[in-house]
N, C-alpha and C. Protein backbone atom coordinates (compact mmCIF):
# COMPACT_ATOMS: atom_id res chain seq x y z
N MET A 1 35.50 138.81 94.45
CA MET A 1 36.43 138.27 93.45
C MET A 1 37.00 139.39 92.59
N LYS A 2 36.13 140.30 92.16
CA LYS A 2 36.57 141.42 91.32
C LYS A 2 37.54 142.30 92.09
N ARG A 3 37.25 142.54 93.38
CA ARG A 3 38.12 143.38 94.21
C ARG A 3 39.51 142.73 94.34
N LYS A 4 39.55 141.40 94.46
CA LYS A 4 40.81 140.69 94.59
C LYS A 4 41.65 140.83 93.33
N VAL A 5 41.03 140.74 92.17
CA VAL A 5 41.74 140.89 90.90
C VAL A 5 42.33 142.28 90.77
N VAL A 6 41.55 143.30 91.16
CA VAL A 6 42.02 144.69 91.11
C VAL A 6 43.24 144.87 92.01
N LEU A 7 43.20 144.32 93.21
CA LEU A 7 44.32 144.45 94.15
C LEU A 7 45.58 143.78 93.61
N ILE A 8 45.42 142.62 92.99
CA ILE A 8 46.58 141.93 92.41
C ILE A 8 47.19 142.76 91.29
N TRP A 9 46.33 143.34 90.45
CA TRP A 9 46.81 144.17 89.33
C TRP A 9 47.57 145.39 89.83
N ILE A 10 47.05 146.03 90.86
CA ILE A 10 47.72 147.20 91.43
C ILE A 10 49.08 146.80 91.98
N SER A 11 49.15 145.64 92.63
CA SER A 11 50.43 145.17 93.19
C SER A 11 51.46 144.95 92.09
N LEU A 12 51.04 144.38 90.96
CA LEU A 12 51.96 144.17 89.84
C LEU A 12 52.48 145.48 89.30
N LEU A 13 51.61 146.49 89.23
CA LEU A 13 52.05 147.82 88.77
C LEU A 13 53.06 148.43 89.73
N LEU A 14 52.80 148.33 91.02
CA LEU A 14 53.67 148.93 92.02
C LEU A 14 55.07 148.34 92.00
N PHE A 15 55.16 147.05 91.75
CA PHE A 15 56.46 146.40 91.77
C PHE A 15 57.15 146.41 90.41
N GLY A 16 56.55 147.08 89.43
CA GLY A 16 57.20 147.22 88.13
C GLY A 16 57.13 145.98 87.27
N ILE A 17 56.33 144.99 87.67
CA ILE A 17 56.24 143.76 86.89
C ILE A 17 55.46 144.01 85.62
N VAL A 18 54.43 144.81 85.70
CA VAL A 18 53.65 145.19 84.53
C VAL A 18 54.07 146.60 84.11
N PRO A 19 54.57 146.78 82.87
CA PRO A 19 54.98 148.12 82.42
C PRO A 19 53.81 149.09 82.41
N THR A 20 54.09 150.34 82.68
CA THR A 20 53.07 151.38 82.63
C THR A 20 53.33 152.27 81.43
N SER A 21 52.31 152.89 80.91
CA SER A 21 52.46 153.71 79.71
C SER A 21 52.97 155.10 80.06
N CYS A 22 53.42 155.83 79.05
CA CYS A 22 53.98 157.17 79.25
C CYS A 22 52.95 158.11 79.88
N ASP A 23 51.73 157.96 79.47
CA ASP A 23 50.72 158.94 79.85
C ASP A 23 50.21 158.79 81.28
N ILE A 24 50.50 157.66 81.90
CA ILE A 24 49.94 157.43 83.23
C ILE A 24 50.83 158.00 84.32
N PHE A 25 52.12 157.60 84.33
CA PHE A 25 52.97 157.98 85.44
C PHE A 25 54.20 158.78 85.05
N CYS A 26 54.69 158.66 83.82
CA CYS A 26 55.93 159.35 83.49
C CYS A 26 55.88 159.84 82.06
N ASN A 27 56.78 160.78 81.75
CA ASN A 27 56.73 161.43 80.45
C ASN A 27 58.00 161.22 79.64
N ASP A 28 58.88 160.30 80.08
CA ASP A 28 60.11 160.11 79.32
C ASP A 28 59.83 159.31 78.06
N SER A 29 60.84 159.23 77.18
CA SER A 29 60.65 158.58 75.89
C SER A 29 60.38 157.10 76.03
N CYS A 30 60.89 156.51 77.10
CA CYS A 30 60.66 155.09 77.30
C CYS A 30 59.29 154.86 77.91
N GLY A 31 58.90 155.77 78.81
CA GLY A 31 57.60 155.63 79.44
C GLY A 31 57.61 154.73 80.64
N CYS A 32 58.75 154.21 81.01
CA CYS A 32 58.79 153.23 82.08
C CYS A 32 59.92 153.48 83.06
N GLY A 33 60.69 154.56 82.93
CA GLY A 33 61.89 154.78 83.71
C GLY A 33 61.78 154.23 85.12
N PRO A 34 62.89 154.06 85.86
CA PRO A 34 64.22 154.46 85.39
C PRO A 34 64.81 153.44 84.44
N LEU A 35 65.69 153.89 83.54
CA LEU A 35 66.34 152.98 82.62
C LEU A 35 67.48 152.27 83.34
N ALA A 36 67.71 151.03 82.95
CA ALA A 36 68.84 150.29 83.49
C ALA A 36 70.14 150.89 82.97
N PRO A 37 71.25 150.73 83.70
CA PRO A 37 72.54 151.27 83.26
C PRO A 37 72.95 150.76 81.89
N VAL A 38 73.52 151.64 81.07
CA VAL A 38 74.06 151.26 79.77
C VAL A 38 75.57 151.17 79.90
N LYS A 39 76.14 150.01 79.62
CA LYS A 39 77.57 149.80 79.81
C LYS A 39 78.19 149.22 78.55
N ASP A 40 79.20 149.90 78.03
CA ASP A 40 80.00 149.32 76.96
C ASP A 40 81.09 148.47 77.59
N PHE A 41 81.73 147.64 76.77
CA PHE A 41 82.77 146.78 77.33
C PHE A 41 83.90 146.60 76.33
N THR A 42 85.06 146.25 76.86
CA THR A 42 86.21 145.95 76.02
C THR A 42 86.51 144.47 76.13
N ILE A 43 86.75 143.83 74.99
CA ILE A 43 86.99 142.40 74.94
C ILE A 43 88.41 142.09 75.40
N LYS A 44 88.55 141.11 76.30
CA LYS A 44 89.87 140.70 76.78
C LYS A 44 90.25 139.30 76.33
N ASN A 45 89.24 138.45 76.08
CA ASN A 45 89.57 137.09 75.64
C ASN A 45 88.34 136.40 75.06
N PHE A 46 88.63 135.42 74.19
CA PHE A 46 87.59 134.59 73.60
C PHE A 46 87.77 133.14 74.05
N GLY A 47 86.69 132.38 73.97
CA GLY A 47 86.71 130.95 74.20
C GLY A 47 85.75 130.27 73.25
N THR A 48 85.66 128.96 73.34
CA THR A 48 84.78 128.21 72.44
C THR A 48 83.93 127.21 73.20
N GLU A 49 82.86 126.80 72.57
CA GLU A 49 82.06 125.67 73.00
C GLU A 49 81.42 125.07 71.76
N ASN A 50 80.66 124.00 71.95
CA ASN A 50 80.06 123.30 70.82
C ASN A 50 78.54 123.25 70.98
N ILE A 51 77.85 123.46 69.86
CA ILE A 51 76.40 123.35 69.83
C ILE A 51 76.01 122.41 68.68
N VAL A 52 75.15 121.45 69.00
CA VAL A 52 74.57 120.59 67.98
C VAL A 52 73.05 120.71 68.08
N MET A 53 72.42 121.07 67.00
CA MET A 53 70.98 121.26 67.01
C MET A 53 70.27 119.96 67.38
N ASN A 54 69.26 120.10 68.25
CA ASN A 54 68.42 118.97 68.67
C ASN A 54 69.18 117.91 69.46
N VAL A 55 70.33 118.30 70.03
CA VAL A 55 71.10 117.40 70.89
C VAL A 55 71.30 118.09 72.25
N GLU A 56 70.83 117.47 73.30
CA GLU A 56 70.89 118.10 74.62
C GLU A 56 72.28 118.05 75.22
N SER A 57 72.98 116.94 75.03
CA SER A 57 74.29 116.76 75.66
C SER A 57 75.33 116.46 74.58
N PHE A 58 76.30 117.34 74.44
CA PHE A 58 77.35 117.18 73.42
C PHE A 58 78.37 116.13 73.87
N ASN A 59 78.66 115.20 72.98
CA ASN A 59 79.68 114.18 73.23
C ASN A 59 80.88 114.45 72.32
N PRO A 60 82.03 114.84 72.86
CA PRO A 60 83.16 115.21 72.00
C PRO A 60 83.72 114.04 71.19
N GLU A 61 83.34 112.82 71.52
CA GLU A 61 83.83 111.65 70.79
C GLU A 61 82.92 111.27 69.63
N SER A 62 81.75 111.88 69.56
CA SER A 62 80.78 111.52 68.52
C SER A 62 80.97 112.36 67.26
N PHE A 63 80.48 111.85 66.14
CA PHE A 63 80.44 112.59 64.88
C PHE A 63 79.01 113.07 64.66
N TYR A 64 78.87 114.33 64.24
CA TYR A 64 77.55 114.93 64.08
C TYR A 64 77.36 115.41 62.65
N GLU A 65 76.09 115.50 62.25
CA GLU A 65 75.77 116.02 60.93
C GLU A 65 76.35 117.42 60.78
N ARG A 66 77.02 117.64 59.66
CA ARG A 66 77.77 118.90 59.50
C ARG A 66 76.85 120.12 59.53
N ASP A 67 75.59 120.00 59.07
CA ASP A 67 74.69 121.14 59.04
C ASP A 67 73.96 121.36 60.37
N GLN A 68 74.26 120.50 61.35
CA GLN A 68 73.66 120.64 62.67
C GLN A 68 74.68 121.06 63.74
N TYR A 69 75.94 121.06 63.36
CA TYR A 69 77.04 121.24 64.32
C TYR A 69 77.69 122.60 64.13
N PHE A 70 77.80 123.35 65.24
CA PHE A 70 78.42 124.67 65.23
C PHE A 70 79.53 124.74 66.28
N LYS A 71 80.64 125.31 65.89
CA LYS A 71 81.67 125.70 66.86
C LYS A 71 81.38 127.15 67.26
N VAL A 72 81.23 127.38 68.55
CA VAL A 72 80.81 128.69 69.06
C VAL A 72 82.03 129.47 69.55
N ILE A 73 82.18 130.68 69.04
CA ILE A 73 83.23 131.60 69.51
C ILE A 73 82.56 132.66 70.38
N LYS A 74 82.93 132.73 71.63
CA LYS A 74 82.25 133.65 72.55
C LYS A 74 83.26 134.43 73.39
N VAL A 75 82.84 135.61 73.83
CA VAL A 75 83.66 136.43 74.73
C VAL A 75 83.60 135.80 76.13
N VAL A 76 84.77 135.47 76.67
CA VAL A 76 84.81 134.85 78.00
C VAL A 76 85.43 135.77 79.05
N ASP A 77 86.01 136.88 78.61
CA ASP A 77 86.58 137.83 79.56
C ASP A 77 86.45 139.24 78.98
N PHE A 78 85.99 140.18 79.79
CA PHE A 78 85.79 141.54 79.31
C PHE A 78 85.82 142.50 80.48
N ASP A 79 85.98 143.78 80.18
CA ASP A 79 85.93 144.85 81.18
C ASP A 79 84.83 145.82 80.80
N LEU A 80 83.98 146.16 81.75
CA LEU A 80 83.01 147.23 81.54
C LEU A 80 83.76 148.55 81.62
N ILE A 81 83.52 149.45 80.66
CA ILE A 81 84.33 150.66 80.62
C ILE A 81 83.53 151.94 80.77
N SER A 82 82.20 151.88 80.72
CA SER A 82 81.42 153.09 80.87
C SER A 82 80.08 152.76 81.48
N GLU A 83 79.48 153.76 82.09
CA GLU A 83 78.18 153.56 82.70
C GLU A 83 77.38 154.85 82.58
N HIS A 84 76.13 154.71 82.18
CA HIS A 84 75.27 155.89 82.07
C HIS A 84 73.91 155.53 82.66
N ILE A 85 73.52 156.21 83.71
CA ILE A 85 72.24 155.94 84.36
C ILE A 85 71.39 157.20 84.27
N PRO A 86 70.42 157.24 83.34
CA PRO A 86 69.58 158.43 83.20
C PRO A 86 68.80 158.71 84.48
N ASN A 87 68.60 160.00 84.75
CA ASN A 87 67.81 160.40 85.90
C ASN A 87 66.36 160.54 85.46
N LYS A 88 65.63 159.44 85.49
CA LYS A 88 64.27 159.41 84.99
C LYS A 88 63.28 159.23 86.13
N LYS A 89 62.07 159.73 85.90
CA LYS A 89 61.00 159.47 86.85
C LYS A 89 60.54 158.03 86.71
N THR A 90 59.97 157.49 87.73
CA THR A 90 59.50 156.12 87.68
C THR A 90 58.02 156.05 88.00
N GLY A 91 57.35 155.12 87.34
CA GLY A 91 55.95 154.88 87.61
C GLY A 91 55.75 153.88 88.73
N SER A 92 56.83 153.42 89.33
CA SER A 92 56.73 152.44 90.40
C SER A 92 57.14 153.07 91.72
N ILE A 93 56.46 152.70 92.78
CA ILE A 93 56.83 153.17 94.11
C ILE A 93 58.13 152.52 94.55
N ILE A 94 58.43 151.31 94.05
CA ILE A 94 59.67 150.62 94.38
C ILE A 94 60.77 151.13 93.46
N PRO A 95 61.81 151.86 93.98
CA PRO A 95 62.79 152.51 93.11
C PRO A 95 63.56 151.55 92.23
N GLY A 96 63.80 150.32 92.68
CA GLY A 96 64.67 149.42 91.94
C GLY A 96 63.98 148.65 90.85
N ALA A 97 62.70 148.84 90.63
CA ALA A 97 61.98 148.04 89.65
C ALA A 97 62.16 148.64 88.25
N PHE A 98 62.60 147.82 87.29
CA PHE A 98 62.77 148.27 85.91
C PHE A 98 61.68 147.64 85.06
N ALA A 99 60.77 148.46 84.56
CA ALA A 99 59.73 147.93 83.68
C ALA A 99 60.15 148.00 82.23
N CYS A 100 61.16 148.83 81.91
CA CYS A 100 61.65 148.93 80.55
C CYS A 100 62.84 148.00 80.35
N SER A 101 62.99 147.49 79.15
CA SER A 101 64.15 146.66 78.84
C SER A 101 65.39 147.54 78.78
N PRO A 102 66.51 147.10 79.39
CA PRO A 102 67.74 147.90 79.33
C PRO A 102 68.29 147.95 77.92
N ALA A 103 68.96 149.04 77.60
CA ALA A 103 69.61 149.14 76.29
C ALA A 103 70.74 148.13 76.22
N PRO A 104 70.98 147.53 75.05
CA PRO A 104 72.03 146.52 74.94
C PRO A 104 73.41 147.13 75.09
N SER A 105 74.36 146.32 75.60
CA SER A 105 75.75 146.73 75.72
C SER A 105 76.54 146.14 74.56
N PHE A 106 77.45 146.94 73.99
CA PHE A 106 78.25 146.49 72.86
C PHE A 106 79.73 146.67 73.15
N SER A 107 80.55 145.86 72.49
CA SER A 107 81.99 146.01 72.60
C SER A 107 82.43 147.29 71.91
N VAL A 108 83.47 147.92 72.45
CA VAL A 108 84.02 149.10 71.78
C VAL A 108 84.86 148.69 70.57
N GLN A 109 85.34 147.45 70.56
CA GLN A 109 86.10 146.96 69.41
C GLN A 109 85.16 146.27 68.42
N SER A 110 85.58 146.23 67.18
CA SER A 110 84.86 145.47 66.17
C SER A 110 85.74 144.33 65.67
N VAL A 111 85.10 143.30 65.15
CA VAL A 111 85.82 142.14 64.63
C VAL A 111 86.26 142.42 63.20
N THR A 112 87.57 142.40 62.97
CA THR A 112 88.10 142.71 61.64
C THR A 112 88.81 141.52 60.99
N GLY A 113 89.01 140.46 61.76
CA GLY A 113 89.68 139.28 61.20
C GLY A 113 89.14 138.00 61.80
N LEU A 114 88.95 136.99 60.96
CA LEU A 114 88.49 135.68 61.42
C LEU A 114 89.05 134.64 60.46
N LYS A 115 89.91 133.77 60.97
CA LYS A 115 90.55 132.76 60.14
C LYS A 115 90.47 131.39 60.80
N ILE A 116 90.44 130.36 59.95
CA ILE A 116 90.53 128.97 60.39
C ILE A 116 91.79 128.38 59.76
N ILE A 117 92.74 127.94 60.60
CA ILE A 117 94.01 127.41 60.13
C ILE A 117 94.07 125.92 60.44
N ASN A 118 94.16 125.11 59.39
CA ASN A 118 94.18 123.67 59.57
C ASN A 118 95.47 123.20 60.25
N LYS A 119 95.36 122.21 61.15
CA LYS A 119 96.54 121.76 61.91
C LYS A 119 96.94 120.32 61.60
N HIS A 120 96.05 119.53 61.02
CA HIS A 120 96.38 118.14 60.66
C HIS A 120 96.09 117.92 59.19
N GLU A 121 97.02 117.30 58.50
CA GLU A 121 96.79 116.98 57.10
C GLU A 121 95.68 115.94 56.99
N ILE A 122 94.74 116.17 56.10
CA ILE A 122 93.62 115.25 55.95
C ILE A 122 93.07 115.34 54.53
N GLU A 123 92.69 114.20 53.98
CA GLU A 123 92.12 114.14 52.65
C GLU A 123 90.60 114.18 52.74
N ILE A 124 90.02 115.22 52.17
CA ILE A 124 88.56 115.37 52.18
C ILE A 124 87.92 114.46 51.16
N ALA A 125 88.49 114.44 49.99
CA ALA A 125 88.02 113.61 48.89
C ALA A 125 89.19 113.45 47.93
N GLU A 126 88.97 112.71 46.85
CA GLU A 126 90.04 112.54 45.88
C GLU A 126 90.47 113.89 45.32
N ASN A 127 91.77 114.14 45.37
CA ASN A 127 92.35 115.40 44.89
C ASN A 127 91.92 116.61 45.73
N ASP A 128 91.54 116.35 46.95
CA ASP A 128 91.15 117.44 47.86
C ASP A 128 91.81 117.21 49.21
N LEU A 129 93.00 117.74 49.36
CA LEU A 129 93.82 117.51 50.55
C LEU A 129 93.99 118.80 51.34
N LEU A 130 93.70 118.75 52.64
CA LEU A 130 93.97 119.88 53.52
C LEU A 130 95.35 119.70 54.13
N THR A 131 96.21 120.68 53.94
CA THR A 131 97.57 120.58 54.44
C THR A 131 97.72 121.34 55.76
N ILE A 132 98.80 121.03 56.46
CA ILE A 132 99.06 121.68 57.75
C ILE A 132 99.32 123.17 57.54
N ASN A 133 98.72 123.98 58.38
CA ASN A 133 98.82 125.45 58.36
C ASN A 133 98.14 126.10 57.16
N GLN A 134 97.30 125.33 56.48
CA GLN A 134 96.53 125.90 55.37
C GLN A 134 95.36 126.72 55.92
N ASN A 135 95.13 127.87 55.33
CA ASN A 135 93.96 128.69 55.67
C ASN A 135 92.74 128.08 54.99
N ILE A 136 91.83 127.54 55.79
CA ILE A 136 90.64 126.87 55.25
C ILE A 136 89.36 127.66 55.59
N SER A 137 89.51 128.94 55.79
CA SER A 137 88.36 129.78 56.17
C SER A 137 87.24 129.72 55.15
N GLU A 138 87.59 129.59 53.86
CA GLU A 138 86.56 129.61 52.82
C GLU A 138 85.66 128.37 52.87
N ARG A 139 86.04 127.38 53.65
CA ARG A 139 85.22 126.17 53.77
C ARG A 139 84.20 126.26 54.91
N PHE A 140 84.15 127.41 55.57
CA PHE A 140 83.24 127.60 56.69
C PHE A 140 82.28 128.75 56.43
N LEU A 141 81.18 128.73 57.16
CA LEU A 141 80.24 129.84 57.21
C LEU A 141 80.14 130.33 58.64
N VAL A 142 79.73 131.59 58.82
CA VAL A 142 79.58 132.15 60.16
C VAL A 142 78.20 132.79 60.29
N THR A 143 77.61 132.64 61.46
CA THR A 143 76.33 133.25 61.77
C THR A 143 76.33 133.62 63.24
N ASP A 144 75.27 134.31 63.68
CA ASP A 144 75.18 134.64 65.10
C ASP A 144 74.01 133.92 65.78
N PHE A 145 73.33 133.04 65.00
CA PHE A 145 72.22 132.29 65.56
C PHE A 145 72.03 131.03 64.73
N PRO A 146 71.86 129.86 65.36
CA PRO A 146 71.82 128.60 64.59
C PRO A 146 70.75 128.57 63.50
N GLN A 147 69.61 129.23 63.73
CA GLN A 147 68.54 129.19 62.74
C GLN A 147 68.74 130.15 61.59
N PHE A 148 69.73 131.05 61.70
CA PHE A 148 70.00 132.00 60.62
C PHE A 148 70.98 131.40 59.63
N GLU A 149 70.78 131.71 58.37
CA GLU A 149 71.69 131.22 57.34
C GLU A 149 73.07 131.85 57.51
N GLY A 150 74.10 131.02 57.45
CA GLY A 150 75.45 131.53 57.60
C GLY A 150 75.93 132.25 56.35
N LYS A 151 77.01 133.01 56.51
CA LYS A 151 77.58 133.75 55.39
C LYS A 151 79.09 133.51 55.36
N PRO A 152 79.74 133.70 54.21
CA PRO A 152 81.19 133.57 54.13
C PRO A 152 81.89 134.55 55.07
N PHE A 153 83.06 134.16 55.54
CA PHE A 153 83.80 135.02 56.46
C PHE A 153 84.05 136.40 55.88
N ALA A 154 84.44 136.45 54.62
CA ALA A 154 84.77 137.74 53.99
C ALA A 154 83.57 138.68 54.03
N GLU A 155 82.40 138.14 53.77
CA GLU A 155 81.18 138.97 53.80
C GLU A 155 80.88 139.44 55.22
N PHE A 156 81.06 138.56 56.19
CA PHE A 156 80.84 138.94 57.58
C PHE A 156 81.81 140.04 58.02
N LEU A 157 83.06 139.92 57.64
CA LEU A 157 84.07 140.88 58.09
C LEU A 157 83.86 142.27 57.50
N GLU A 158 83.17 142.36 56.37
CA GLU A 158 82.87 143.67 55.80
C GLU A 158 82.02 144.51 56.74
N GLU A 159 81.26 143.85 57.62
CA GLU A 159 80.38 144.57 58.54
C GLU A 159 81.16 145.23 59.68
N GLU A 160 82.41 144.76 59.95
CA GLU A 160 83.18 145.22 61.11
C GLU A 160 82.28 145.23 62.35
N ARG A 161 81.75 144.08 62.65
CA ARG A 161 80.73 143.91 63.68
C ARG A 161 81.26 144.18 65.08
N LYS A 162 80.52 144.98 65.84
CA LYS A 162 80.72 145.09 67.28
C LYS A 162 79.81 144.07 67.95
N LEU A 163 80.33 143.36 68.94
CA LEU A 163 79.58 142.28 69.54
C LEU A 163 78.73 142.77 70.71
N GLU A 164 77.49 142.34 70.72
CA GLU A 164 76.63 142.63 71.86
C GLU A 164 77.03 141.72 73.01
N LEU A 165 76.93 142.23 74.24
CA LEU A 165 77.28 141.43 75.40
C LEU A 165 76.43 140.17 75.43
N GLY A 166 77.08 139.02 75.47
CA GLY A 166 76.38 137.75 75.44
C GLY A 166 76.24 137.14 74.05
N GLU A 167 76.58 137.92 73.02
CA GLU A 167 76.49 137.42 71.64
C GLU A 167 77.67 136.52 71.32
N SER A 168 77.44 135.52 70.49
CA SER A 168 78.49 134.61 70.05
C SER A 168 78.52 134.55 68.53
N LEU A 169 79.64 134.09 68.00
CA LEU A 169 79.76 133.79 66.58
C LEU A 169 79.79 132.28 66.42
N LEU A 170 78.99 131.76 65.50
CA LEU A 170 78.89 130.32 65.28
C LEU A 170 79.45 129.99 63.90
N ILE A 171 80.43 129.12 63.87
CA ILE A 171 81.01 128.73 62.58
C ILE A 171 80.62 127.28 62.27
N GLN A 172 80.51 126.99 60.97
CA GLN A 172 79.97 125.72 60.52
C GLN A 172 80.65 125.31 59.21
N TRP A 173 81.01 124.04 59.11
CA TRP A 173 81.56 123.51 57.86
C TRP A 173 80.46 123.57 56.80
N LYS A 174 80.76 124.11 55.64
CA LYS A 174 79.69 124.42 54.69
C LYS A 174 79.48 123.35 53.62
N GLU A 175 80.40 122.41 53.47
CA GLU A 175 80.32 121.47 52.36
C GLU A 175 79.77 120.12 52.82
N ASP A 176 78.86 119.57 52.06
CA ASP A 176 78.37 118.22 52.33
C ASP A 176 79.50 117.22 52.09
N LEU A 177 79.54 116.20 52.95
CA LEU A 177 80.55 115.16 52.80
C LEU A 177 79.99 114.04 51.91
N GLN A 178 80.85 113.49 51.09
CA GLN A 178 80.43 112.41 50.20
C GLN A 178 80.59 111.07 50.92
N GLY A 179 79.79 110.91 51.99
CA GLY A 179 79.88 109.69 52.78
C GLY A 179 81.04 109.73 53.74
N GLY A 180 81.01 108.86 54.74
CA GLY A 180 82.12 108.79 55.68
C GLY A 180 82.07 109.89 56.71
N THR A 181 83.18 110.07 57.41
CA THR A 181 83.29 111.06 58.48
C THR A 181 84.54 111.91 58.27
N LEU A 182 84.58 113.02 59.00
CA LEU A 182 85.71 113.94 58.89
C LEU A 182 86.03 114.50 60.26
N GLU A 183 87.28 114.36 60.67
CA GLU A 183 87.74 114.95 61.93
C GLU A 183 88.68 116.11 61.61
N LEU A 184 88.24 117.30 61.95
CA LEU A 184 89.01 118.51 61.69
C LEU A 184 89.69 118.98 62.96
N VAL A 185 90.95 119.37 62.84
CA VAL A 185 91.69 119.99 63.93
C VAL A 185 92.25 121.31 63.40
N PHE A 186 91.93 122.40 64.07
CA PHE A 186 92.29 123.71 63.52
C PHE A 186 92.44 124.74 64.63
N ASP A 187 93.12 125.83 64.29
CA ASP A 187 93.19 127.02 65.14
C ASP A 187 92.20 128.05 64.61
N ILE A 188 91.60 128.79 65.53
CA ILE A 188 90.74 129.92 65.16
C ILE A 188 91.48 131.21 65.52
N GLU A 189 91.64 132.09 64.56
CA GLU A 189 92.29 133.37 64.79
C GLU A 189 91.26 134.49 64.68
N VAL A 190 91.15 135.29 65.73
CA VAL A 190 90.21 136.41 65.77
C VAL A 190 91.00 137.69 65.95
N SER A 191 90.76 138.67 65.08
CA SER A 191 91.43 139.97 65.17
C SER A 191 90.41 141.07 65.42
N LEU A 192 90.81 142.06 66.24
CA LEU A 192 89.96 143.21 66.53
C LEU A 192 90.60 144.48 65.96
N ASN A 193 89.79 145.51 65.81
CA ASN A 193 90.28 146.73 65.18
C ASN A 193 91.26 147.52 66.03
N ASP A 194 91.42 147.14 67.31
CA ASP A 194 92.42 147.82 68.15
C ASP A 194 93.77 147.12 68.10
N GLY A 195 93.91 146.12 67.24
CA GLY A 195 95.19 145.43 67.07
C GLY A 195 95.32 144.13 67.85
N GLN A 196 94.38 143.84 68.71
CA GLN A 196 94.44 142.59 69.46
C GLN A 196 94.17 141.41 68.55
N GLU A 197 94.90 140.31 68.79
CA GLU A 197 94.69 139.07 68.07
C GLU A 197 94.60 137.92 69.08
N PHE A 198 93.67 137.04 68.84
CA PHE A 198 93.44 135.91 69.74
C PHE A 198 93.52 134.63 68.91
N ILE A 199 94.21 133.62 69.46
CA ILE A 199 94.33 132.32 68.79
C ILE A 199 93.75 131.25 69.70
N LEU A 200 92.73 130.60 69.22
CA LEU A 200 92.09 129.49 69.94
C LEU A 200 92.62 128.21 69.31
N GLU A 201 93.49 127.52 70.02
CA GLU A 201 94.29 126.46 69.43
C GLU A 201 93.63 125.09 69.49
N ASN A 202 93.93 124.29 68.45
CA ASN A 202 93.58 122.87 68.40
C ASN A 202 92.11 122.59 68.69
N GLU A 203 91.26 123.36 68.04
CA GLU A 203 89.83 123.10 68.12
C GLU A 203 89.50 121.87 67.25
N ILE A 204 88.53 121.08 67.68
CA ILE A 204 88.19 119.84 66.99
C ILE A 204 86.71 119.86 66.60
N MET A 205 86.44 119.45 65.37
CA MET A 205 85.08 119.21 64.91
C MET A 205 85.03 117.84 64.25
N ARG A 206 84.12 117.02 64.72
CA ARG A 206 83.91 115.70 64.12
C ARG A 206 82.55 115.72 63.43
N ILE A 207 82.57 115.62 62.10
CA ILE A 207 81.33 115.76 61.34
C ILE A 207 81.16 114.59 60.39
N LYS A 208 79.93 114.43 59.91
CA LYS A 208 79.62 113.37 58.96
C LYS A 208 78.60 113.88 57.96
């Protein structure tokens, strides 16, 4: 039984499933080479989807609690523009096995503009009317993960954030509604530091 366990452990090491330490097989800073390719990318287009916390299947006709509902802005088209593959020794006999986590890939552009432009006139409450083409960005918060507290757009834009490959921006209506429901129709405008601007038209959020 003991011999069988040892053989299984050796097999896991050989195939790179179990990481090995620097001192055993290799002397690079990672200790697990070879490193996976590092690739930066340039953003070509954005798209959207919807996330509602604790809801498996999103229904576009339903109204959701405003603090549970996020409109997701994500990169849907991009070009890889660089590649760097370090020439590292490996602790695995199988050349293709990566025991180290690859370095993250980031966009070469940073996000410098984010706006929400209202498209349908709607009364939020007494003396609170959203007009057509009104910039309503201040009524939203943005985060990069549903469990993280959102921040105002202006504060987020100060970071001039470069997006990690696979990362999304989540926007959320920040004000509690005084009863009833609210159907928002708006455009999302995203600007990058290279001058590109993207408009995601007629996005809908139904909240309560």
